[in-house]
Amino acid sequence: MRVLFSPEARAEFEDAARYYDEQRQGLGDELRREIRNFLPQLRRSPLTFPVERGDIRRLILARFPYKLLYSVEPDYVYVIAVAHRRRSPDYWIDRIGSP
């Protein structure tokens, strides 16, 4: 199963990586690596992760304070947000249903 990122989620991913690189060179790459390391599991078993709201599930990163919010579609997993866990928890809700 493919994993697709919404344009907003991709921008959040890249913004977070840039922020961490500004804090320490290479830290953004570590964030990218952590997210990419979770993708095979997300592809294989997307229903493993808990429900956040409605049909939206969450994958909480181990090292960084982010979570991937996603829906499971018939042919792919659609990541709607790469959300910081301590900021504006429901800002992404208006993205539901807009792949």
PDB file of N, CA and C in Angstrom:
ATOM      1  N   MET A   1       0.848  -1.178   0.000  1.00  0.00           N
ATOM      2  CA  MET A   1       0.000   0.000   0.000  1.00  0.00           C
ATOM      3  C   MET A   1       0.896   1.243   0.000  1.00  0.00           C
ATOM      4  N   ARG A   2       0.557   2.201  -0.808  1.00  0.00           N
ATOM      5  CA  ARG A   2       1.329   3.441  -0.899  1.00  0.00           C
ATOM      6  C   ARG A   2       0.987   4.376   0.254  1.00  0.00           C
ATOM      7  N   VAL A   3       1.921   5.238   0.598  1.00  0.00           N
ATOM      8  CA  VAL A   3       1.682   6.300   1.565  1.00  0.00           C
ATOM      9  C   VAL A   3       1.829   7.615   0.815  1.00  0.00           C
ATOM     10  N   LEU A   4       0.775   8.403   0.819  1.00  0.00           N
ATOM     11  CA  LEU A   4       0.780   9.712   0.165  1.00  0.00           C
ATOM     12  C   LEU A   4       0.636  10.798   1.222  1.00  0.00           C
ATOM     13  N   PHE A   5       1.399  11.864   1.068  1.00  0.00           N
ATOM     14  CA  PHE A   5       1.313  13.012   1.972  1.00  0.00           C
ATOM     15  C   PHE A   5       0.520  14.114   1.284  1.00  0.00           C
ATOM     16  N   SER A   6      -0.404  14.713   2.014  1.00  0.00           N
ATOM     17  CA  SER A   6      -1.101  15.887   1.486  1.00  0.00           C
ATOM     18  C   SER A   6      -0.061  16.991   1.309  1.00  0.00           C
ATOM     19  N   PRO A   7      -0.329  17.967   0.462  1.00  0.00           N
ATOM     20  CA  PRO A   7       0.620  19.079   0.322  1.00  0.00           C
ATOM     21  C   PRO A   7       0.895  19.769   1.671  1.00  0.00           C
ATOM     22  N   GLU A   8      -0.142  19.904   2.494  1.00  0.00           N
ATOM     23  CA  GLU A   8       0.024  20.548   3.802  1.00  0.00           C
ATOM     24  C   GLU A   8       0.918  19.706   4.720  1.00  0.00           C
ATOM     25  N   ALA A   9       0.708  18.394   4.713  1.00  0.00           N
ATOM     26  CA  ALA A   9       1.523  17.512   5.549  1.00  0.00           C
ATOM     27  C   ALA A   9       2.971  17.518   5.083  1.00  0.00           C
ATOM     28  N   ARG A  10       3.181  17.513   3.779  1.00  0.00           N
ATOM     29  CA  ARG A  10       4.551  17.554   3.247  1.00  0.00           C
ATOM     30  C   ARG A  10       5.233  18.859   3.668  1.00  0.00           C
ATOM     31  N   ALA A  11       4.503  19.970   3.602  1.00  0.00           N
ATOM     32  CA  ALA A  11       5.070  21.262   4.016  1.00  0.00           C
ATOM     33  C   ALA A  11       5.395  21.262   5.513  1.00  0.00           C
ATOM     34  N   GLU A  12       4.511  20.681   6.323  1.00  0.00           N
ATOM     35  CA  GLU A  12       4.772  20.597   7.763  1.00  0.00           C
ATOM     36  C   GLU A  12       6.009  19.751   8.044  1.00  0.00           C
ATOM     37  N   PHE A  13       6.146  18.665   7.320  1.00  0.00           N
ATOM     38  CA  PHE A  13       7.292  17.769   7.450  1.00  0.00           C
ATOM     39  C   PHE A  13       8.588  18.532   7.151  1.00  0.00           C
ATOM     40  N   GLU A  14       8.604  19.229   6.036  1.00  0.00           N
ATOM     41  CA  GLU A  14       9.801  19.970   5.635  1.00  0.00           C
ATOM     42  C   GLU A  14      10.065  21.156   6.564  1.00  0.00           C
ATOM     43  N   ASP A  15       9.032  21.850   7.014  1.00  0.00           N
ATOM     44  CA  ASP A  15       9.202  22.963   7.955  1.00  0.00           C
ATOM     45  C   ASP A  15       9.818  22.476   9.264  1.00  0.00           C
ATOM     46  N   ALA A  16       9.321  21.351   9.764  1.00  0.00           N
ATOM     47  CA  ALA A  16       9.856  20.791  11.008  1.00  0.00           C
ATOM     48  C   ALA A  16      11.315  20.389  10.830  1.00  0.00           C
ATOM     49  N   ALA A  17      11.635  19.761   9.713  1.00  0.00           N
ATOM     50  CA  ALA A  17      13.020  19.339   9.461  1.00  0.00           C
ATOM     51  C   ALA A  17      13.941  20.555   9.377  1.00  0.00           C
ATOM     52  N   ARG A  18      13.487  21.614   8.710  1.00  0.00           N
ATOM     53  CA  ARG A  18      14.300  22.840   8.629  1.00  0.00           C
ATOM     54  C   ARG A  18      14.510  23.442  10.021  1.00  0.00           C
ATOM     55  N   TYR A  19      13.437  23.468  10.810  1.00  0.00           N
ATOM     56  CA  TYR A  19      13.537  24.008  12.167  1.00  0.00           C
ATOM     57  C   TYR A  19      14.606  23.235  12.961  1.00  0.00           C
ATOM     58  N   TYR A  20      14.549  21.908  12.907  1.00  0.00           N
ATOM     59  CA  TYR A  20      15.510  21.116  13.672  1.00  0.00           C
ATOM     60  C   TYR A  20      16.930  21.280  13.129  1.00  0.00           C
ATOM     61  N   ASP A  21      17.089  21.455  11.834  1.00  0.00           N
ATOM     62  CA  ASP A  21      18.424  21.710  11.290  1.00  0.00           C
ATOM     63  C   ASP A  21      18.976  23.046  11.781  1.00  0.00           C
ATOM     64  N   GLU A  22      18.092  24.024  11.993  1.00  0.00           N
ATOM     65  CA  GLU A  22      18.541  25.312  12.541  1.00  0.00           C
ATOM     66  C   GLU A  22      18.994  25.164  13.992  1.00  0.00           C
ATOM     67  N   GLN A  23      18.397  24.218  14.701  1.00  0.00           N
ATOM     68  CA  GLN A  23      18.773  23.988  16.094  1.00  0.00           C
ATOM     69  C   GLN A  23      20.118  23.277  16.196  1.00  0.00           C
ATOM     70  N   ARG A  24      20.293  22.294  15.321  1.00  0.00           N
ATOM     71  CA  ARG A  24      21.556  21.552  15.270  1.00  0.00           C
ATOM     72  C   ARG A  24      21.673  20.904  13.892  1.00  0.00           C
ATOM     73  N   GLN A  25      22.765  21.151  13.227  1.00  0.00           N
ATOM     74  CA  GLN A  25      22.973  20.596  11.896  1.00  0.00           C
ATOM     75  C   GLN A  25      22.810  19.075  11.934  1.00  0.00           C
ATOM     76  N   GLY A  26      21.987  18.551  11.034  1.00  0.00           N
ATOM     77  CA  GLY A  26      21.773  17.111  10.944  1.00  0.00           C
ATOM     78  C   GLY A  26      20.562  16.622  11.714  1.00  0.00           C
ATOM     79  N   LEU A  27      20.028  17.442  12.628  1.00  0.00           N
ATOM     80  CA  LEU A  27      18.878  17.013  13.410  1.00  0.00           C
ATOM     81  C   LEU A  27      17.628  16.897  12.534  1.00  0.00           C
ATOM     82  N   GLY A  28      17.511  17.755  11.546  1.00  0.00           N
ATOM     83  CA  GLY A  28      16.398  17.651  10.598  1.00  0.00           C
ATOM     84  C   GLY A  28      16.443  16.341   9.826  1.00  0.00           C
ATOM     85  N   ASP A  29      17.645  15.921   9.471  1.00  0.00           N
ATOM     86  CA  ASP A  29      17.795  14.630   8.788  1.00  0.00           C
ATOM     87  C   ASP A  29      17.380  13.481   9.698  1.00  0.00           C
ATOM     88  N   GLU A  30      17.626  13.622  10.987  1.00  0.00           N
ATOM     89  CA  GLU A  30      17.210  12.588  11.933  1.00  0.00           C
ATOM     90  C   GLU A  30      15.686  12.505  12.011  1.00  0.00           C
ATOM     91  N   LEU A  31      15.021  13.649  11.964  1.00  0.00           N
ATOM     92  CA  LEU A  31      13.557  13.651  11.930  1.00  0.00           C
ATOM     93  C   LEU A  31      13.061  12.978  10.653  1.00  0.00           C
ATOM     94  N   ARG A  32      13.631  13.357   9.526  1.00  0.00           N
ATOM     95  CA  ARG A  32      13.249  12.727   8.256  1.00  0.00           C
ATOM     96  C   ARG A  32      13.430  11.216   8.311  1.00  0.00           C
ATOM     97  N   ARG A  33      14.559  10.781   8.863  1.00  0.00           N
ATOM     98  CA  ARG A  33      14.856   9.358   8.959  1.00  0.00           C
ATOM     99  C   ARG A  33      13.835   8.651   9.862  1.00  0.00           C
ATOM    100  N   GLU A  34      13.490   9.277  10.987  1.00  0.00           N
ATOM    101  CA  GLU A  34      12.518   8.636  11.875  1.00  0.00           C
ATOM    102  C   GLU A  34      11.176   8.454  11.170  1.00  0.00           C
ATOM    103  N   ILE A  35      10.726   9.475  10.469  1.00  0.00           N
ATOM    104  CA  ILE A  35       9.450   9.360   9.755  1.00  0.00           C
ATOM    105  C   ILE A  35       9.563   8.301   8.665  1.00  0.00           C
ATOM    106  N   ARG A  36      10.618   8.344   7.896  1.00  0.00           N
ATOM    107  CA  ARG A  36      10.781   7.357   6.821  1.00  0.00           C
ATOM    108  C   ARG A  36      10.898   5.933   7.356  1.00  0.00           C
ATOM    109  N   ASN A  37      11.470   5.777   8.533  1.00  0.00           N
ATOM    110  CA  ASN A  37      11.589   4.443   9.123  1.00  0.00           C
ATOM    111  C   ASN A  37      10.231   3.871   9.534  1.00  0.00           C
ATOM    112  N   PHE A  38       9.267   4.731   9.817  1.00  0.00           N
ATOM    113  CA  PHE A  38       7.926   4.268  10.166  1.00  0.00           C
ATOM    114  C   PHE A  38       7.086   3.917   8.934  1.00  0.00           C
ATOM    115  N   LEU A  39       7.440   4.418   7.779  1.00  0.00           N
ATOM    116  CA  LEU A  39       6.603   4.240   6.590  1.00  0.00           C
ATOM    117  C   LEU A  39       6.379   2.779   6.197  1.00  0.00           C
ATOM    118  N   PRO A  40       7.380   1.897   6.253  1.00  0.00           N
ATOM    119  CA  PRO A  40       7.102   0.490   5.915  1.00  0.00           C
ATOM    120  C   PRO A  40       6.034  -0.133   6.825  1.00  0.00           C
ATOM    121  N   GLN A  41       6.099   0.167   8.109  1.00  0.00           N
ATOM    122  CA  GLN A  41       5.089  -0.363   9.034  1.00  0.00           C
ATOM    123  C   GLN A  41       3.712   0.223   8.719  1.00  0.00           C
ATOM    124  N   LEU A  42       3.683   1.495   8.389  1.00  0.00           N
ATOM    125  CA  LEU A  42       2.425   2.144   8.030  1.00  0.00           C
ATOM    126  C   LEU A  42       1.849   1.522   6.757  1.00  0.00           C
ATOM    127  N   ARG A  43       2.701   1.198   5.800  1.00  0.00           N
ATOM    128  CA  ARG A  43       2.254   0.545   4.563  1.00  0.00           C
ATOM    129  C   ARG A  43       1.683  -0.850   4.836  1.00  0.00           C
ATOM    130  N   ARG A  44       2.389  -1.612   5.649  1.00  0.00           N
ATOM    131  CA  ARG A  44       1.996  -3.003   5.925  1.00  0.00           C
ATOM    132  C   ARG A  44       0.766  -3.109   6.818  1.00  0.00           C
ATOM    133  N   SER A  45       0.709  -2.295   7.857  1.00  0.00           N
ATOM    134  CA  SER A  45      -0.331  -2.451   8.879  1.00  0.00           C
ATOM    135  C   SER A  45      -0.898  -1.101   9.319  1.00  0.00           C
ATOM    136  N   PRO A  46      -1.557  -0.395   8.433  1.00  0.00           N
ATOM    137  CA  PRO A  46      -2.030   0.945   8.794  1.00  0.00           C
ATOM    138  C   PRO A  46      -3.087   0.955   9.898  1.00  0.00           C
ATOM    139  N   LEU A  47      -3.786  -0.153  10.073  1.00  0.00           N
ATOM    140  CA  LEU A  47      -4.828  -0.190  11.101  1.00  0.00           C
ATOM    141  C   LEU A  47      -4.265  -0.504  12.494  1.00  0.00           C
ATOM    142  N   THR A  48      -2.958  -0.716  12.578  1.00  0.00           N
ATOM    143  CA  THR A  48      -2.309  -1.002  13.854  1.00  0.00           C
ATOM    144  C   THR A  48      -2.346   0.198  14.795  1.00  0.00           C
ATOM    145  N   PHE A  49      -2.244   1.372  14.234  1.00  0.00           N
ATOM    146  CA  PHE A  49      -2.132   2.581  15.046  1.00  0.00           C
ATOM    147  C   PHE A  49      -3.520   3.040  15.501  1.00  0.00           C
ATOM    148  N   PRO A  50      -3.599   3.703  16.657  1.00  0.00           N
ATOM    149  CA  PRO A  50      -4.899   4.056  17.236  1.00  0.00           C
ATOM    150  C   PRO A  50      -5.621   5.173  16.484  1.00  0.00           C
ATOM    151  N   VAL A  51      -6.913   5.216  16.706  1.00  0.00           N
ATOM    152  CA  VAL A  51      -7.765   6.251  16.119  1.00  0.00           C
ATOM    153  C   VAL A  51      -7.582   7.544  16.903  1.00  0.00           C
ATOM    154  N   GLU A  52      -7.442   8.633  16.185  1.00  0.00           N
ATOM    155  CA  GLU A  52      -7.361   9.970  16.783  1.00  0.00           C
ATOM    156  C   GLU A  52      -8.755  10.579  16.866  1.00  0.00           C
ATOM    157  N   ARG A  53      -9.475  10.514  15.742  1.00  0.00           N
ATOM    158  CA  ARG A  53     -10.817  11.093  15.659  1.00  0.00           C
ATOM    159  C   ARG A  53     -11.495  10.524  14.418  1.00  0.00           C
ATOM    160  N   GLY A  54     -12.690  10.002  14.592  1.00  0.00           N
ATOM    161  CA  GLY A  54     -13.421   9.446  13.460  1.00  0.00           C
ATOM    162  C   GLY A  54     -12.629   8.338  12.785  1.00  0.00           C
ATOM    163  N   ASP A  55     -12.347   8.523  11.492  1.00  0.00           N
ATOM    164  CA  ASP A  55     -11.567   7.549  10.730  1.00  0.00           C
ATOM    165  C   ASP A  55     -10.086   7.920  10.633  1.00  0.00           C
ATOM    166  N   ILE A  56      -9.688   8.945  11.343  1.00  0.00           N
ATOM    167  CA  ILE A  56      -8.303   9.417  11.288  1.00  0.00           C
ATOM    168  C   ILE A  56      -7.495   8.733  12.386  1.00  0.00           C
ATOM    169  N   ARG A  57      -6.381   8.164  11.981  1.00  0.00           N
ATOM    170  CA  ARG A  57      -5.489   7.466  12.914  1.00  0.00           C
ATOM    171  C   ARG A  57      -4.238   8.296  13.144  1.00  0.00           C
ATOM    172  N   ARG A  58      -3.511   7.921  14.182  1.00  0.00           N
ATOM    173  CA  ARG A  58      -2.284   8.658  14.508  1.00  0.00           C
ATOM    174  C   ARG A  58      -1.116   7.694  14.710  1.00  0.00           C
ATOM    175  N   LEU A  59       0.017   8.138  14.237  1.00  0.00           N
ATOM    176  CA  LEU A  59       1.278   7.448  14.449  1.00  0.00           C
ATOM    177  C   LEU A  59       2.151   8.449  15.201  1.00  0.00           C
ATOM    178  N   ILE A  60       2.470   8.145  16.436  1.00  0.00           N
ATOM    179  CA  ILE A  60       3.267   9.053  17.266  1.00  0.00           C
ATOM    180  C   ILE A  60       4.741   8.697  17.103  1.00  0.00           C
ATOM    181  N   LEU A  61       5.531   9.701  16.769  1.00  0.00           N
ATOM    182  CA  LEU A  61       6.967   9.484  16.627  1.00  0.00           C
ATOM    183  C   LEU A  61       7.582   9.225  17.993  1.00  0.00           C
ATOM    184  N   ALA A  62       8.639   8.453  18.012  1.00  0.00           N
ATOM    185  CA  ALA A  62       9.277   8.072  19.272  1.00  0.00           C
ATOM    186  C   ALA A  62      10.166   9.189  19.824  1.00  0.00           C
ATOM    187  N   ARG A  63      10.932   9.808  18.961  1.00  0.00           N
ATOM    188  CA  ARG A  63      11.940  10.752  19.438  1.00  0.00           C
ATOM    189  C   ARG A  63      11.493  12.207  19.367  1.00  0.00           C
ATOM    190  N   PHE A  64      10.729  12.554  18.378  1.00  0.00           N
ATOM    191  CA  PHE A  64      10.332  13.944  18.159  1.00  0.00           C
ATOM    192  C   PHE A  64       8.875  14.127  18.572  1.00  0.00           C
ATOM    193  N   PRO A  65       8.486  15.349  18.970  1.00  0.00           N
ATOM    194  CA  PRO A  65       7.122  15.580  19.468  1.00  0.00           C
ATOM    195  C   PRO A  65       6.098  15.782  18.342  1.00  0.00           C
ATOM    196  N   TYR A  66       6.087  14.863  17.400  1.00  0.00           N
ATOM    197  CA  TYR A  66       5.177  14.951  16.256  1.00  0.00           C
ATOM    198  C   TYR A  66       4.369  13.676  16.121  1.00  0.00           C
ATOM    199  N   LYS A  67       3.259  13.807  15.432  1.00  0.00           N
ATOM    200  CA  LYS A  67       2.447  12.644  15.088  1.00  0.00           C
ATOM    201  C   LYS A  67       1.998  12.797  13.650  1.00  0.00           C
ATOM    202  N   LEU A  68       1.885  11.671  12.968  1.00  0.00           N
ATOM    203  CA  LEU A  68       1.324  11.646  11.624  1.00  0.00           C
ATOM    204  C   LEU A  68      -0.149  11.306  11.768  1.00  0.00           C
ATOM    205  N   LEU A  69      -1.002  12.142  11.219  1.00  0.00           N
ATOM    206  CA  LEU A  69      -2.442  11.905  11.221  1.00  0.00           C
ATOM    207  C   LEU A  69      -2.812  11.475   9.818  1.00  0.00           C
ATOM    208  N   TYR A  70      -3.490  10.345   9.713  1.00  0.00           N
ATOM    209  CA  TYR A  70      -3.721   9.775   8.385  1.00  0.00           C
ATOM    210  C   TYR A  70      -5.042   9.026   8.320  1.00  0.00           C
ATOM    211  N   SER A  71      -5.493   8.845   7.086  1.00  0.00           N
ATOM    212  CA  SER A  71      -6.672   8.015   6.825  1.00  0.00           C
ATOM    213  C   SER A  71      -6.230   6.827   5.978  1.00  0.00           C
ATOM    214  N   VAL A  72      -6.954   5.739   6.134  1.00  0.00           N
ATOM    215  CA  VAL A  72      -6.674   4.540   5.355  1.00  0.00           C
ATOM    216  C   VAL A  72      -7.705   4.488   4.237  1.00  0.00           C
ATOM    217  N   GLU A  73      -7.244   4.638   3.024  1.00  0.00           N
ATOM    218  CA  GLU A  73      -8.093   4.614   1.839  1.00  0.00           C
ATOM    219  C   GLU A  73      -7.993   3.224   1.210  1.00  0.00           C
ATOM    220  N   PRO A  74      -8.854   2.918   0.241  1.00  0.00           N
ATOM    221  CA  PRO A  74      -8.809   1.567  -0.350  1.00  0.00           C
ATOM    222  C   PRO A  74      -7.443   1.169  -0.913  1.00  0.00           C
ATOM    223  N   ASP A  75      -6.734   2.098  -1.550  1.00  0.00           N
ATOM    224  CA  ASP A  75      -5.471   1.755  -2.210  1.00  0.00           C
ATOM    225  C   ASP A  75      -4.245   2.446  -1.638  1.00  0.00           C
ATOM    226  N   TYR A  76      -4.422   3.269  -0.623  1.00  0.00           N
ATOM    227  CA  TYR A  76      -3.285   4.020  -0.088  1.00  0.00           C
ATOM    228  C   TYR A  76      -3.588   4.544   1.314  1.00  0.00           C
ATOM    229  N   VAL A  77      -2.534   4.968   1.975  1.00  0.00           N
ATOM    230  CA  VAL A  77      -2.628   5.665   3.256  1.00  0.00           C
ATOM    231  C   VAL A  77      -2.391   7.134   2.941  1.00  0.00           C
ATOM    232  N   TYR A  78      -3.283   7.997   3.440  1.00  0.00           N
ATOM    233  CA  TYR A  78      -3.192   9.428   3.134  1.00  0.00           C
ATOM    234  C   TYR A  78      -2.863  10.199   4.407  1.00  0.00           C
ATOM    235  N   VAL A  79      -1.641  10.735   4.480  1.00  0.00           N
ATOM    236  CA  VAL A  79      -1.210  11.522   5.633  1.00  0.00           C
ATOM    237  C   VAL A  79      -1.732  12.941   5.453  1.00  0.00           C
ATOM    238  N   ILE A  80      -2.593  13.355   6.380  1.00  0.00           N
ATOM    239  CA  ILE A  80      -3.187  14.696   6.259  1.00  0.00           C
ATOM    240  C   ILE A  80      -2.443  15.744   7.069  1.00  0.00           C
ATOM    241  N   ALA A  81      -1.645  15.308   8.059  1.00  0.00           N
ATOM    242  CA  ALA A  81      -0.905  16.284   8.869  1.00  0.00           C
ATOM    243  C   ALA A  81       0.303  15.624   9.511  1.00  0.00           C
ATOM    244  N   VAL A  82       1.356  16.401   9.629  1.00  0.00           N
ATOM    245  CA  VAL A  82       2.504  16.059  10.461  1.00  0.00           C
ATOM    246  C   VAL A  82       2.446  17.095  11.574  1.00  0.00           C
ATOM    247  N   ALA A  83       1.751  16.741  12.652  1.00  0.00           N
ATOM    248  CA  ALA A  83       1.350  17.698  13.681  1.00  0.00           C
ATOM    249  C   ALA A  83       2.237  17.629  14.916  1.00  0.00           C
ATOM    250  N   HIS A  84       2.617  18.791  15.392  1.00  0.00           N
ATOM    251  CA  HIS A  84       3.324  18.881  16.664  1.00  0.00           C
ATOM    252  C   HIS A  84       2.331  18.508  17.757  1.00  0.00           C
ATOM    253  N   ARG A  85       2.729  17.663  18.666  1.00  0.00           N
ATOM    254  CA  ARG A  85       1.792  17.133  19.662  1.00  0.00           C
ATOM    255  C   ARG A  85       1.403  18.147  20.728  1.00  0.00           C
ATOM    256  N   ARG A  86       2.126  19.235  20.869  1.00  0.00           N
ATOM    257  CA  ARG A  86       1.823  20.195  21.934  1.00  0.00           C
ATOM    258  C   ARG A  86       1.249  21.509  21.420  1.00  0.00           C
ATOM    259  N   ARG A  87       0.956  21.590  20.131  1.00  0.00           N
ATOM    260  CA  ARG A  87       0.450  22.844  19.558  1.00  0.00           C
ATOM    261  C   ARG A  87      -0.878  22.630  18.864  1.00  0.00           C
ATOM    262  N   SER A  88      -1.809  23.523  19.063  1.00  0.00           N
ATOM    263  CA  SER A  88      -3.100  23.538  18.355  1.00  0.00           C
ATOM    264  C   SER A  88      -3.561  22.142  17.948  1.00  0.00           C
ATOM    265  N   PRO A  89      -4.036  21.353  18.856  1.00  0.00           N
ATOM    266  CA  PRO A  89      -4.283  19.941  18.568  1.00  0.00           C
ATOM    267  C   PRO A  89      -5.276  19.642  17.450  1.00  0.00           C
ATOM    268  N   ASP A  90      -6.239  20.487  17.205  1.00  0.00           N
ATOM    269  CA  ASP A  90      -7.269  20.169  16.212  1.00  0.00           C
ATOM    270  C   ASP A  90      -7.202  21.016  14.945  1.00  0.00           C
ATOM    271  N   TYR A  91      -6.096  21.683  14.698  1.00  0.00           N
ATOM    272  CA  TYR A  91      -6.014  22.578  13.543  1.00  0.00           C
ATOM    273  C   TYR A  91      -6.226  21.854  12.209  1.00  0.00           C
ATOM    274  N   TRP A  92      -5.955  20.583  12.145  1.00  0.00           N
ATOM    275  CA  TRP A  92      -5.961  19.790  10.913  1.00  0.00           C
ATOM    276  C   TRP A  92      -7.346  19.278  10.519  1.00  0.00           C
ATOM    277  N   ILE A  93      -8.337  19.429  11.387  1.00  0.00           N
ATOM    278  CA  ILE A  93      -9.644  18.816  11.169  1.00  0.00           C
ATOM    279  C   ILE A  93     -10.290  19.252   9.857  1.00  0.00           C
ATOM    280  N   ASP A  94     -10.101  20.484   9.457  1.00  0.00           N
ATOM    281  CA  ASP A  94     -10.728  20.939   8.200  1.00  0.00           C
ATOM    282  C   ASP A  94     -10.119  20.284   6.971  1.00  0.00           C
ATOM    283  N   ARG A  95      -9.037  19.533   7.133  1.00  0.00           N
ATOM    284  CA  ARG A  95      -8.426  18.818   5.999  1.00  0.00           C
ATOM    285  C   ARG A  95      -9.092  17.475   5.721  1.00  0.00           C
ATOM    286  N   ILE A  96      -9.904  16.994   6.628  1.00  0.00           N
ATOM    287  CA  ILE A  96     -10.523  15.681   6.466  1.00  0.00           C
ATOM    288  C   ILE A  96     -11.411  15.691   5.231  1.00  0.00           C
ATOM    289  N   GLY A  97     -11.240  14.670   4.418  1.00  0.00           N
ATOM    290  CA  GLY A  97     -12.068  14.534   3.225  1.00  0.00           C
ATOM    291  C   GLY A  97     -11.590  15.330   2.041  1.00  0.00           C
ATOM    292  N   SER A  98     -10.334  15.831   2.099  1.00  0.00           N
ATOM    293  CA  SER A  98      -9.856  16.612   0.955  1.00  0.00           C
ATOM    294  C   SER A  98      -8.527  16.098   0.412  1.00  0.00           C
ATOM    295  N   PRO A  99      -8.486  14.820  -0.039  1.00  0.00           N
ATOM    296  CA  PRO A  99      -7.222  14.335  -0.635  1.00  0.00           C
ATOM    297  C   PRO A  99      -6.965  14.930  -2.006  1.00  0.00           C
TER     298      PRO A  99
END
